Amino acid sequence: MQDESSRSASYTVACEDYVHVVEFSPFSCGTPVSLLAYGGNQYVVVGTCLFQEEDMEVEGVEFTVLRAFHHELRVDALAWSPESRLDRIPTIRFCTAAADRKLRLLTSDLQDRHEVKVMEGHASYINHLVFEPTEGKQIASVSDDHTCRVWDLDGNENTTLRLRSPGVSVCWHPEEVFKLMVAEKKGTIRFYDLVTQQAILSLDCGQSPLMSADWCLTNTIKVGAVAGNNWLIWDITRSSYPQEKRPAHIDKARLFKWSRANENLFSTTGCPGKISSQLLIHHLGHPQPVMLGSASVGAGLSWHRTLPLCVIGGDRKLLFWMTEM
């Protein structure tokens, strides 16, 4: 790979502790800033980001902490609710997963009201979760217990989908609230109709373990994943087998995420290795990654809602990479 594509982070933000997960809110909060949450050993910090690409007066990035939430144990996964807003009456709502196999729904007005709802039901480690994106009244989670469960905000389990291997990723269709994508470690990605609770379509990696998959929400015929050290892309209208497949990481690949700003841009991370974690940004038109970043330790991966910019967590810092479109 050419050296010019390798570079250090465009921006960094210092944190108190090791960052285990980091997520930009994929939803508008009603103001020009973006909501971002990051979590570590016993905490979640919620803040806002504004970048120089969005505001001439900002140098690099302006990160403002709104609130730090105590979290009983390490945060393993986190999802934003579309009900989080900063205009009118501020409301922050997100859900976490932790090693005690519980989900925690946190709601705050950033003043005195702060609620935590604990949701129990999974029998093993929870790998990923997502809010229903139009109203945010349901949460889907996938686990090593071979289930995908759909919860209401009171913690009632409305639907349980039985899987054939551990569930690694879950994505909700941006408009059709009855369509859910579930990726399984064994290498299968299935699309479910939540009304009939039946699978309506399935995709096959042709290899396992599948570690992470993502639905391209700007063009929902595209699905991407990482399995082994490859990334894979499907056009779901064409075939259940991947359209494209390339090796990306020397060790195993860990995460796959589509950009929200450009349907041809996606990123992958490698499993934290002995030296450093690799972040690769790929463009579907280019045979080689368009950018390579690395962090001494890296965890989590998330794209900004409107900019071609992604973030990973590191040791006491957040690392942001801006990509040329």
C-alpha atoms as a PDB file:
ATOM      1  CA  MET A   1       0.000   0.000   0.000  1.00  0.00           C
ATOM      2  CA  GLN A   2       1.234   3.490  -0.819  1.00  0.00           C
ATOM      3  CA  ASP A   3       2.535   5.433   2.162  1.00  0.00           C
ATOM      4  CA  GLU A   4       0.670   8.621   1.331  1.00  0.00           C
ATOM      5  CA  SER A   5      -2.620   6.971   2.248  1.00  0.00           C
ATOM      6  CA  SER A   6      -1.330   6.296   5.770  1.00  0.00           C
ATOM      7  CA  ARG A   7      -1.737   9.123   8.213  1.00  0.00           C
ATOM      8  CA  SER A   8      -2.323   9.992  11.805  1.00  0.00           C
ATOM      9  CA  ALA A   9      -5.746  11.127  12.988  1.00  0.00           C
ATOM     10  CA  SER A  10      -7.119  14.407  11.617  1.00  0.00           C
ATOM     11  CA  TYR A  11      -8.330  15.384  15.102  1.00  0.00           C
ATOM     12  CA  THR A  12      -8.032  13.974  18.605  1.00  0.00           C
ATOM     13  CA  VAL A  13      -9.970  14.625  21.799  1.00  0.00           C
ATOM     14  CA  ALA A  14      -8.484  13.706  25.179  1.00  0.00           C
ATOM     15  CA  CYS A  15     -10.510  11.485  27.530  1.00  0.00           C
ATOM     16  CA  GLU A  16     -10.079  10.443  31.143  1.00  0.00           C
ATOM     17  CA  ASP A  17      -9.865   6.717  30.552  1.00  0.00           C
ATOM     18  CA  TYR A  18      -9.593   3.944  27.979  1.00  0.00           C
ATOM     19  CA  VAL A  19     -12.457   4.238  25.472  1.00  0.00           C
ATOM     20  CA  HIS A  20     -14.162   0.951  24.742  1.00  0.00           C
ATOM     21  CA  VAL A  21     -17.078   2.080  22.551  1.00  0.00           C
ATOM     22  CA  VAL A  22     -17.812   5.290  20.677  1.00  0.00           C
ATOM     23  CA  GLU A  23     -20.927   6.247  18.701  1.00  0.00           C
ATOM     24  CA  PHE A  24     -22.002   9.345  16.814  1.00  0.00           C
ATOM     25  CA  SER A  25     -25.758   9.736  16.940  1.00  0.00           C
ATOM     26  CA  PRO A  26     -27.049   8.921  13.430  1.00  0.00           C
ATOM     27  CA  PHE A  27     -29.962  11.305  14.032  1.00  0.00           C
ATOM     28  CA  SER A  28     -30.207  15.074  13.910  1.00  0.00           C
ATOM     29  CA  CYS A  29     -30.481  16.572  17.391  1.00  0.00           C
ATOM     30  CA  GLY A  30     -32.125  19.753  16.070  1.00  0.00           C
ATOM     31  CA  THR A  31     -29.002  21.947  16.395  1.00  0.00           C
ATOM     32  CA  PRO A  32     -25.868  22.236  14.190  1.00  0.00           C
ATOM     33  CA  VAL A  33     -23.745  20.042  16.478  1.00  0.00           C
ATOM     34  CA  SER A  34     -23.505  16.229  16.485  1.00  0.00           C
ATOM     35  CA  LEU A  35     -24.149  14.131  19.558  1.00  0.00           C
ATOM     36  CA  LEU A  36     -21.413  11.650  20.437  1.00  0.00           C
ATOM     37  CA  ALA A  37     -21.219   9.131  23.280  1.00  0.00           C
ATOM     38  CA  TYR A  38     -18.235   7.124  24.400  1.00  0.00           C
ATOM     39  CA  GLY A  39     -17.982   4.517  27.104  1.00  0.00           C
ATOM     40  CA  GLY A  40     -15.361   2.743  29.125  1.00  0.00           C
ATOM     41  CA  ASN A  41     -15.001   0.858  32.366  1.00  0.00           C
ATOM     42  CA  GLN A  42     -17.758   2.344  34.503  1.00  0.00           C
ATOM     43  CA  TYR A  43     -18.923   5.385  32.641  1.00  0.00           C
ATOM     44  CA  VAL A  44     -20.526   6.841  29.543  1.00  0.00           C
ATOM     45  CA  VAL A  45     -19.700  10.400  28.481  1.00  0.00           C
ATOM     46  CA  VAL A  46     -22.175  12.238  26.260  1.00  0.00           C
ATOM     47  CA  GLY A  47     -21.015  15.315  24.401  1.00  0.00           C
ATOM     48  CA  THR A  48     -21.361  17.381  21.260  1.00  0.00           C
ATOM     49  CA  CYS A  49     -18.921  17.743  18.378  1.00  0.00           C
ATOM     50  CA  LEU A  50     -18.510  20.558  15.908  1.00  0.00           C
ATOM     51  CA  PHE A  51     -15.786  20.339  13.246  1.00  0.00           C
ATOM     52  CA  GLN A  52     -13.983  23.040  11.284  1.00  0.00           C
ATOM     53  CA  GLU A  53     -15.556  21.636   8.096  1.00  0.00           C
ATOM     54  CA  GLU A  54     -18.949  22.652   9.533  1.00  0.00           C
ATOM     55  CA  ASP A  55     -18.052  25.953  11.173  1.00  0.00           C
ATOM     56  CA  MET A  56     -15.300  28.361  10.063  1.00  0.00           C
ATOM     57  CA  GLU A  57     -14.743  29.563  13.614  1.00  0.00           C
ATOM     58  CA  VAL A  58     -13.835  26.120  14.960  1.00  0.00           C
ATOM     59  CA  GLU A  59     -10.200  25.046  14.947  1.00  0.00           C
ATOM     60  CA  GLY A  60     -10.142  21.311  14.310  1.00  0.00           C
ATOM     61  CA  VAL A  61     -12.846  19.967  16.590  1.00  0.00           C
ATOM     62  CA  GLU A  62     -14.816  21.529  19.419  1.00  0.00           C
ATOM     63  CA  PHE A  63     -15.913  18.823  21.843  1.00  0.00           C
ATOM     64  CA  THR A  64     -18.235  19.804  24.691  1.00  0.00           C
ATOM     65  CA  VAL A  65     -19.121  17.366  27.469  1.00  0.00           C
ATOM     66  CA  LEU A  66     -22.831  17.468  28.304  1.00  0.00           C
ATOM     67  CA  ARG A  67     -22.825  14.836  31.012  1.00  0.00           C
ATOM     68  CA  ALA A  68     -20.916  11.847  32.362  1.00  0.00           C
ATOM     69  CA  PHE A  69     -23.114   8.922  33.404  1.00  0.00           C
ATOM     70  CA  HIS A  70     -22.063   6.321  35.935  1.00  0.00           C
ATOM     71  CA  HIS A  71     -22.362   2.811  34.494  1.00  0.00           C
ATOM     72  CA  GLU A  72     -22.067  -0.173  36.823  1.00  0.00           C
ATOM     73  CA  LEU A  73     -19.634  -2.063  34.617  1.00  0.00           C
ATOM     74  CA  ARG A  74     -17.779  -1.786  31.342  1.00  0.00           C
ATOM     75  CA  VAL A  75     -19.843  -0.650  28.355  1.00  0.00           C
ATOM     76  CA  ASP A  76     -19.614  -3.212  25.542  1.00  0.00           C
ATOM     77  CA  ALA A  77     -22.068  -1.692  23.053  1.00  0.00           C
ATOM     78  CA  LEU A  78     -24.120   1.481  22.782  1.00  0.00           C
ATOM     79  CA  ALA A  79     -26.956   2.762  20.587  1.00  0.00           C
ATOM     80  CA  TRP A  80     -28.547   6.209  20.254  1.00  0.00           C
ATOM     81  CA  SER A  81     -32.270   6.887  20.292  1.00  0.00           C
ATOM     82  CA  PRO A  82     -33.763   9.213  17.643  1.00  0.00           C
ATOM     83  CA  GLU A  83     -35.568  10.906  20.566  1.00  0.00           C
ATOM     84  CA  SER A  84     -32.303  12.512  21.710  1.00  0.00           C
ATOM     85  CA  ARG A  85     -32.673  16.248  21.038  1.00  0.00           C
ATOM     86  CA  LEU A  86     -30.906  19.433  22.089  1.00  0.00           C
ATOM     87  CA  ASP A  87     -33.448  21.948  20.798  1.00  0.00           C
ATOM     88  CA  ARG A  88     -36.630  22.820  22.744  1.00  0.00           C
ATOM     89  CA  ILE A  89     -36.485  20.596  25.853  1.00  0.00           C
ATOM     90  CA  PRO A  90     -33.116  18.791  25.859  1.00  0.00           C
ATOM     91  CA  THR A  91     -33.428  14.991  26.091  1.00  0.00           C
ATOM     92  CA  ILE A  92     -30.659  12.439  25.914  1.00  0.00           C
ATOM     93  CA  ARG A  93     -31.612   8.800  25.446  1.00  0.00           C
ATOM     94  CA  PHE A  94     -29.355   5.876  24.626  1.00  0.00           C
ATOM     95  CA  CYS A  95     -29.071   2.196  25.453  1.00  0.00           C
ATOM     96  CA  THR A  96     -26.018   0.169  26.488  1.00  0.00           C
ATOM     97  CA  ALA A  97     -25.085  -3.499  26.702  1.00  0.00           C
ATOM     98  CA  ALA A  98     -22.697  -4.910  29.276  1.00  0.00           C
ATOM     99  CA  ALA A  99     -21.129  -8.224  30.272  1.00  0.00           C
ATOM    100  CA  ASP A 100     -23.874  -8.963  32.834  1.00  0.00           C
ATOM    101  CA  ARG A 101     -26.119  -9.719  29.791  1.00  0.00           C
ATOM    102  CA  LYS A 102     -28.335  -6.722  30.529  1.00  0.00           C
ATOM    103  CA  LEU A 103     -29.381  -3.722  28.486  1.00  0.00           C
ATOM    104  CA  ARG A 104     -29.600  -0.357  30.213  1.00  0.00           C
ATOM    105  CA  LEU A 105     -31.808   2.387  28.794  1.00  0.00           C
ATOM    106  CA  LEU A 106     -30.565   5.777  30.022  1.00  0.00           C
ATOM    107  CA  THR A 107     -32.738   8.882  29.739  1.00  0.00           C
ATOM    108  CA  SER A 108     -31.736  12.332  30.974  1.00  0.00           C
ATOM    109  CA  ASP A 109     -32.875  15.937  30.618  1.00  0.00           C
ATOM    110  CA  LEU A 110     -29.259  16.979  31.454  1.00  0.00           C
ATOM    111  CA  GLN A 111     -30.603  18.658  34.594  1.00  0.00           C
ATOM    112  CA  ASP A 112     -32.020  16.651  37.501  1.00  0.00           C
ATOM    113  CA  ARG A 113     -34.061  13.965  35.740  1.00  0.00           C
ATOM    114  CA  HIS A 114     -32.007  10.867  35.081  1.00  0.00           C
ATOM    115  CA  GLU A 115     -33.516   7.422  34.649  1.00  0.00           C
ATOM    116  CA  VAL A 116     -31.977   3.991  34.093  1.00  0.00           C
ATOM    117  CA  LYS A 117     -34.180   1.119  32.944  1.00  0.00           C
ATOM    118  CA  VAL A 118     -32.536  -2.329  33.126  1.00  0.00           C
ATOM    119  CA  MET A 119     -33.705  -4.925  30.598  1.00  0.00           C
ATOM    120  CA  GLU A 120     -33.025  -8.588  31.254  1.00  0.00           C
ATOM    121  CA  GLY A 121     -33.576 -11.651  29.093  1.00  0.00           C
ATOM    122  CA  HIS A 122     -30.452 -12.512  27.146  1.00  0.00           C
ATOM    123  CA  ALA A 123     -28.690 -15.642  28.375  1.00  0.00           C
ATOM    124  CA  SER A 124     -25.242 -14.717  27.069  1.00  0.00           C
ATOM    125  CA  TYR A 125     -23.038 -11.843  25.890  1.00  0.00           C
ATOM    126  CA  ILE A 126     -24.836  -9.072  23.923  1.00  0.00           C
ATOM    127  CA  ASN A 127     -22.880  -8.099  20.801  1.00  0.00           C
ATOM    128  CA  HIS A 128     -24.866  -5.262  19.227  1.00  0.00           C
ATOM    129  CA  LEU A 129     -28.064  -3.246  19.593  1.00  0.00           C
ATOM    130  CA  VAL A 130     -30.047  -0.644  17.666  1.00  0.00           C
ATOM    131  CA  PHE A 131     -33.093   1.612  18.124  1.00  0.00           C
ATOM    132  CA  GLU A 132     -36.019   1.597  15.730  1.00  0.00           C
ATOM    133  CA  PRO A 133     -35.020   4.714  13.757  1.00  0.00           C
ATOM    134  CA  THR A 134     -38.319   6.483  13.029  1.00  0.00           C
ATOM    135  CA  GLU A 135     -39.764   6.855  16.541  1.00  0.00           C
ATOM    136  CA  GLY A 136     -37.276   5.121  18.816  1.00  0.00           C
ATOM    137  CA  LYS A 137     -39.921   3.159  20.734  1.00  0.00           C
ATOM    138  CA  GLN A 138     -38.244  -0.244  20.251  1.00  0.00           C
ATOM    139  CA  ILE A 139     -34.730  -1.662  20.639  1.00  0.00           C
ATOM    140  CA  ALA A 140     -33.318  -4.762  18.928  1.00  0.00           C
ATOM    141  CA  SER A 141     -30.340  -6.640  20.368  1.00  0.00           C
ATOM    142  CA  VAL A 142     -28.333  -9.702  19.274  1.00  0.00           C
ATOM    143  CA  SER A 143     -26.417 -12.073  21.476  1.00  0.00           C
ATOM    144  CA  ASP A 144     -24.201 -15.129  21.752  1.00  0.00           C
ATOM    145  CA  ASP A 145     -27.358 -16.870  23.060  1.00  0.00           C
ATOM    146  CA  HIS A 146     -28.440 -17.363  19.396  1.00  0.00           C
ATOM    147  CA  THR A 147     -31.294 -14.846  19.606  1.00  0.00           C
ATOM    148  CA  CYS A 148     -32.288 -11.433  18.328  1.00  0.00           C
ATOM    149  CA  ARG A 149     -34.722  -9.810  20.764  1.00  0.00           C
ATOM    150  CA  VAL A 150     -36.935  -6.780  20.210  1.00  0.00           C
ATOM    151  CA  TRP A 151     -37.850  -4.789  23.334  1.00  0.00           C
ATOM    152  CA  ASP A 152     -40.183  -1.916  24.095  1.00  0.00           C
ATOM    153  CA  LEU A 153     -38.930   0.940  26.267  1.00  0.00           C
ATOM    154  CA  ASP A 154     -40.511  -0.573  29.386  1.00  0.00           C
ATOM    155  CA  GLY A 155     -38.211  -3.558  29.021  1.00  0.00           C
ATOM    156  CA  ASN A 156     -40.837  -5.975  27.692  1.00  0.00           C
ATOM    157  CA  GLU A 157     -39.556  -8.431  25.129  1.00  0.00           C
ATOM    158  CA  ASN A 158     -41.964  -8.214  22.167  1.00  0.00           C
ATOM    159  CA  THR A 159     -40.237 -10.539  19.731  1.00  0.00           C
ATOM    160  CA  THR A 160     -37.600 -13.252  19.948  1.00  0.00           C
ATOM    161  CA  LEU A 161     -35.998 -14.459  16.727  1.00  0.00           C
ATOM    162  CA  ARG A 162     -34.145 -17.767  17.099  1.00  0.00           C
ATOM    163  CA  LEU A 163     -30.808 -17.755  15.261  1.00  0.00           C
ATOM    164  CA  ARG A 164     -28.595 -20.656  14.195  1.00  0.00           C
ATOM    165  CA  SER A 165     -25.395 -19.201  15.640  1.00  0.00           C
ATOM    166  CA  PRO A 166     -24.395 -16.151  17.735  1.00  0.00           C
ATOM    167  CA  GLY A 167     -25.882 -12.837  16.517  1.00  0.00           C
ATOM    168  CA  VAL A 168     -23.122 -10.310  15.822  1.00  0.00           C
ATOM    169  CA  SER A 169     -24.885  -7.317  14.211  1.00  0.00           C
ATOM    170  CA  VAL A 170     -28.420  -5.964  13.898  1.00  0.00           C
ATOM    171  CA  CYS A 171     -29.658  -3.093  11.687  1.00  0.00           C
ATOM    172  CA  TRP A 172     -33.103  -1.561  11.248  1.00  0.00           C
ATOM    173  CA  HIS A 173     -34.421  -0.372   7.885  1.00  0.00           C
ATOM    174  CA  PRO A 174     -34.490   3.463   7.894  1.00  0.00           C
ATOM    175  CA  GLU A 175     -38.141   3.757   6.783  1.00  0.00           C
ATOM    176  CA  GLU A 176     -39.740   0.312   6.777  1.00  0.00           C
ATOM    177  CA  VAL A 177     -40.018  -0.294  10.498  1.00  0.00           C
ATOM    178  CA  PHE A 178     -40.889  -3.976  10.092  1.00  0.00           C
ATOM    179  CA  LYS A 179     -37.614  -4.890   8.392  1.00  0.00           C
ATOM    180  CA  LEU A 180     -34.630  -5.978  10.422  1.00  0.00           C
ATOM    181  CA  MET A 181     -31.236  -7.279   9.277  1.00  0.00           C
ATOM    182  CA  VAL A 182     -29.475  -9.796  11.540  1.00  0.00           C
ATOM    183  CA  ALA A 183     -25.933 -11.074  10.927  1.00  0.00           C
ATOM    184  CA  GLU A 184     -24.806 -14.380  12.408  1.00  0.00           C
ATOM    185  CA  LYS A 185     -21.288 -15.481  13.271  1.00  0.00           C
ATOM    186  CA  LYS A 186     -21.622 -18.604  11.129  1.00  0.00           C
ATOM    187  CA  GLY A 187     -21.619 -16.411   8.006  1.00  0.00           C
ATOM    188  CA  THR A 188     -25.312 -15.808   7.271  1.00  0.00           C
ATOM    189  CA  ILE A 189     -27.111 -12.456   7.118  1.00  0.00           C
ATOM    190  CA  ARG A 190     -30.906 -12.645   7.250  1.00  0.00           C
ATOM    191  CA  PHE A 191     -33.603 -10.035   6.720  1.00  0.00           C
ATOM    192  CA  TYR A 192     -36.696 -10.505   8.867  1.00  0.00           C
ATOM    193  CA  ASP A 193     -40.260  -9.272   8.630  1.00  0.00           C
ATOM    194  CA  LEU A 194     -41.127  -8.388  12.229  1.00  0.00           C
ATOM    195  CA  VAL A 195     -44.873  -8.778  11.593  1.00  0.00           C
ATOM    196  CA  THR A 196     -44.648 -12.428  10.519  1.00  0.00           C
ATOM    197  CA  GLN A 197     -41.336 -12.967  12.378  1.00  0.00           C
ATOM    198  CA  GLN A 198     -40.103 -14.827   9.296  1.00  0.00           C
ATOM    199  CA  ALA A 199     -36.878 -14.432   7.327  1.00  0.00           C
ATOM    200  CA  ILE A 200     -37.608 -12.889   3.913  1.00  0.00           C
ATOM    201  CA  LEU A 201     -34.098 -12.983   2.428  1.00  0.00           C
ATOM    202  CA  SER A 202     -30.689 -14.347   3.330  1.00  0.00           C
ATOM    203  CA  LEU A 203     -27.113 -13.618   2.264  1.00  0.00           C
ATOM    204  CA  ASP A 204     -24.152 -15.940   2.576  1.00  0.00           C
ATOM    205  CA  CYS A 205     -20.535 -14.977   3.349  1.00  0.00           C
ATOM    206  CA  GLY A 206     -19.160 -18.297   2.186  1.00  0.00           C
ATOM    207  CA  GLN A 207     -16.822 -18.127   5.205  1.00  0.00           C
ATOM    208  CA  SER A 208     -16.880 -17.735   8.953  1.00  0.00           C
ATOM    209  CA  PRO A 209     -16.544 -16.277  11.481  1.00  0.00           C
ATOM    210  CA  LEU A 210     -18.507 -13.263  10.331  1.00  0.00           C
ATOM    211  CA  MET A 211     -17.521 -10.567  12.844  1.00  0.00           C
ATOM    212  CA  SER A 212     -19.593  -7.530  11.855  1.00  0.00           C
ATOM    213  CA  ALA A 213     -22.094  -6.472   9.190  1.00  0.00           C
ATOM    214  CA  ASP A 214     -23.771  -3.194   8.264  1.00  0.00           C
ATOM    215  CA  TRP A 215     -26.707  -2.151   6.087  1.00  0.00           C
ATOM    216  CA  CYS A 216     -26.048   0.851   3.865  1.00  0.00           C
ATOM    217  CA  LEU A 217     -28.862   3.121   5.016  1.00  0.00           C
ATOM    218  CA  THR A 218     -28.394   5.619   2.175  1.00  0.00           C
ATOM    219  CA  ASN A 219     -28.828   2.810  -0.385  1.00  0.00           C
ATOM    220  CA  THR A 220     -30.467  -0.221   1.221  1.00  0.00           C
ATOM    221  CA  ILE A 221     -29.631  -2.646  -1.592  1.00  0.00           C
ATOM    222  CA  LYS A 222     -26.039  -2.639  -0.272  1.00  0.00           C
ATOM    223  CA  VAL A 223     -24.854  -4.728   2.642  1.00  0.00           C
ATOM    224  CA  GLY A 224     -21.270  -5.006   3.851  1.00  0.00           C
ATOM    225  CA  ALA A 225     -19.463  -7.257   6.309  1.00  0.00           C
ATOM    226  CA  VAL A 226     -16.093  -8.480   7.529  1.00  0.00           C
ATOM    227  CA  ALA A 227     -15.284 -12.173   7.880  1.00  0.00           C
ATOM    228  CA  GLY A 228     -11.833 -13.614   8.446  1.00  0.00           C
ATOM    229  CA  ASN A 229      -9.528 -10.856   7.165  1.00  0.00           C
ATOM    230  CA  ASN A 230     -11.817  -9.931   4.221  1.00  0.00           C
ATOM    231  CA  TRP A 231     -14.421  -7.295   3.631  1.00  0.00           C
ATOM    232  CA  LEU A 232     -17.458  -8.342   1.584  1.00  0.00           C
ATOM    233  CA  ILE A 233     -20.145  -6.327  -0.211  1.00  0.00           C
ATOM    234  CA  TRP A 234     -23.521  -7.565  -1.456  1.00  0.00           C
ATOM    235  CA  ASP A 235     -26.094  -6.119  -3.836  1.00  0.00           C
ATOM    236  CA  ILE A 236     -29.168  -7.804  -2.358  1.00  0.00           C
ATOM    237  CA  THR A 237     -31.129  -7.481  -5.612  1.00  0.00           C
ATOM    238  CA  ARG A 238     -28.570  -9.595  -7.473  1.00  0.00           C
ATOM    239  CA  SER A 239     -27.314 -12.534  -5.480  1.00  0.00           C
ATOM    240  CA  SER A 240     -27.096 -14.069  -2.038  1.00  0.00           C
ATOM    241  CA  TYR A 241     -23.314 -14.245  -2.579  1.00  0.00           C
ATOM    242  CA  PRO A 242     -21.050 -11.214  -2.247  1.00  0.00           C
ATOM    243  CA  GLN A 243     -20.557  -8.951  -5.250  1.00  0.00           C
ATOM    244  CA  GLU A 244     -17.067  -8.017  -4.061  1.00  0.00           C
ATOM    245  CA  LYS A 245     -14.653  -9.515  -1.580  1.00  0.00           C
ATOM    246  CA  ARG A 246     -11.132  -8.376  -0.692  1.00  0.00           C
ATOM    247  CA  PRO A 247      -8.582  -9.102   2.002  1.00  0.00           C
ATOM    248  CA  ALA A 248      -8.095  -5.997   4.113  1.00  0.00           C
ATOM    249  CA  HIS A 249      -6.346  -6.761   7.380  1.00  0.00           C
ATOM    250  CA  ILE A 250      -3.278  -8.829   8.195  1.00  0.00           C
ATOM    251  CA  ASP A 251      -4.946 -10.220  11.293  1.00  0.00           C
ATOM    252  CA  LYS A 252      -8.670 -10.751  11.540  1.00  0.00           C
ATOM    253  CA  ALA A 253     -10.972  -7.891  10.632  1.00  0.00           C
ATOM    254  CA  ARG A 254     -13.228  -6.757  13.471  1.00  0.00           C
ATOM    255  CA  LEU A 255     -15.776  -4.103  12.398  1.00  0.00           C
ATOM    256  CA  PHE A 256     -17.465  -2.906   9.186  1.00  0.00           C
ATOM    257  CA  LYS A 257     -19.341   0.422   8.968  1.00  0.00           C
ATOM    258  CA  TRP A 258     -20.794   2.296   5.987  1.00  0.00           C
ATOM    259  CA  SER A 259     -20.355   6.052   5.786  1.00  0.00           C
ATOM    260  CA  ARG A 260     -23.607   7.965   6.241  1.00  0.00           C
ATOM    261  CA  ALA A 261     -22.404  10.729   3.925  1.00  0.00           C
ATOM    262  CA  ASN A 262     -21.413   8.680   0.872  1.00  0.00           C
ATOM    263  CA  GLU A 263     -22.822   5.290  -0.118  1.00  0.00           C
ATOM    264  CA  ASN A 264     -19.502   4.231  -1.704  1.00  0.00           C
ATOM    265  CA  LEU A 265     -17.399   4.882   1.392  1.00  0.00           C
ATOM    266  CA  PHE A 266     -16.948   2.383   4.227  1.00  0.00           C
ATOM    267  CA  SER A 267     -14.456   1.594   6.943  1.00  0.00           C
ATOM    268  CA  THR A 268     -13.107  -1.538   8.581  1.00  0.00           C
ATOM    269  CA  THR A 269     -10.986  -2.116  11.658  1.00  0.00           C
ATOM    270  CA  GLY A 270      -8.612  -4.933  12.500  1.00  0.00           C
ATOM    271  CA  CYS A 271      -8.686  -6.863  15.762  1.00  0.00           C
ATOM    272  CA  PRO A 272      -6.492  -5.099  18.307  1.00  0.00           C
ATOM    273  CA  GLY A 273      -3.099  -6.644  17.610  1.00  0.00           C
ATOM    274  CA  LYS A 274       0.238  -6.724  19.343  1.00  0.00           C
ATOM    275  CA  ILE A 275       1.380  -3.446  17.799  1.00  0.00           C
ATOM    276  CA  SER A 276      -1.656  -1.378  16.898  1.00  0.00           C
ATOM    277  CA  SER A 277      -5.191  -1.481  15.635  1.00  0.00           C
ATOM    278  CA  GLN A 278      -5.692  -0.626  12.025  1.00  0.00           C
ATOM    279  CA  LEU A 279      -8.452   1.540  10.640  1.00  0.00           C
ATOM    280  CA  LEU A 280      -8.945   1.288   6.881  1.00  0.00           C
ATOM    281  CA  ILE A 281     -11.228   3.540   4.862  1.00  0.00           C
ATOM    282  CA  HIS A 282     -12.295   2.113   1.519  1.00  0.00           C
ATOM    283  CA  HIS A 283     -14.028   3.544  -1.541  1.00  0.00           C
ATOM    284  CA  LEU A 284     -15.905   1.122  -3.792  1.00  0.00           C
ATOM    285  CA  GLY A 285     -14.259   2.639  -6.873  1.00  0.00           C
ATOM    286  CA  HIS A 286     -10.695   2.076  -5.610  1.00  0.00           C
ATOM    287  CA  PRO A 287      -8.872  -1.273  -5.429  1.00  0.00           C
ATOM    288  CA  GLN A 288      -6.758  -0.155  -2.451  1.00  0.00           C
ATOM    289  CA  PRO A 289      -7.963   1.490   0.774  1.00  0.00           C
ATOM    290  CA  VAL A 290      -8.113   5.270   0.337  1.00  0.00           C
ATOM    291  CA  MET A 291      -6.806   5.792   3.859  1.00  0.00           C
ATOM    292  CA  LEU A 292      -5.056   3.898   6.588  1.00  0.00           C
ATOM    293  CA  GLY A 293      -5.017   4.999  10.190  1.00  0.00           C
ATOM    294  CA  SER A 294      -3.726   3.300  13.283  1.00  0.00           C
ATOM    295  CA  ALA A 295      -4.095   3.609  17.029  1.00  0.00           C
ATOM    296  CA  SER A 296      -2.011   1.970  19.748  1.00  0.00           C
ATOM    297  CA  VAL A 297      -5.223   0.407  20.937  1.00  0.00           C
ATOM    298  CA  GLY A 298      -8.488   0.957  19.164  1.00  0.00           C
ATOM    299  CA  ALA A 299     -12.082   0.068  19.931  1.00  0.00           C
ATOM    300  CA  GLY A 300     -15.385   1.025  18.399  1.00  0.00           C
ATOM    301  CA  LEU A 301     -15.992   2.648  15.033  1.00  0.00           C
ATOM    302  CA  SER A 302     -18.605   5.185  13.996  1.00  0.00           C
ATOM    303  CA  TRP A 303     -19.269   7.586  11.110  1.00  0.00           C
ATOM    304  CA  HIS A 304     -20.475  11.177  11.387  1.00  0.00           C
ATOM    305  CA  ARG A 305     -24.044  11.782  10.219  1.00  0.00           C
ATOM    306  CA  THR A 306     -23.179  14.168   7.361  1.00  0.00           C
ATOM    307  CA  LEU A 307     -19.378  14.420   7.037  1.00  0.00           C
ATOM    308  CA  PRO A 308     -17.064  11.758   5.558  1.00  0.00           C
ATOM    309  CA  LEU A 309     -15.452  11.457   8.983  1.00  0.00           C
ATOM    310  CA  CYS A 310     -15.146   8.502  11.331  1.00  0.00           C
ATOM    311  CA  VAL A 311     -14.068   8.035  14.926  1.00  0.00           C
ATOM    312  CA  ILE A 312     -12.463   5.227  16.907  1.00  0.00           C
ATOM    313  CA  GLY A 313     -11.729   5.085  20.626  1.00  0.00           C
ATOM    314  CA  GLY A 314      -8.212   4.763  21.955  1.00  0.00           C
ATOM    315  CA  ASP A 315      -6.243   4.936  25.165  1.00  0.00           C
ATOM    316  CA  ARG A 316      -7.539   8.090  26.864  1.00  0.00           C
ATOM    317  CA  LYS A 317      -8.457   9.646  23.536  1.00  0.00           C
ATOM    318  CA  LEU A 318     -10.899   9.771  20.652  1.00  0.00           C
ATOM    319  CA  LEU A 319      -9.335   9.688  17.178  1.00  0.00           C
ATOM    320  CA  PHE A 320     -11.138  11.256  14.214  1.00  0.00           C
ATOM    321  CA  TRP A 321     -10.244  10.723  10.555  1.00  0.00           C
ATOM    322  CA  MET A 322     -11.584  13.027   7.859  1.00  0.00           C
ATOM    323  CA  THR A 323     -11.710  11.522   4.355  1.00  0.00           C
ATOM    324  CA  GLU A 324     -11.751  13.318   1.039  1.00  0.00           C
ATOM    325  CA  MET A 325     -15.005  12.469  -0.731  1.00  0.00           C
END
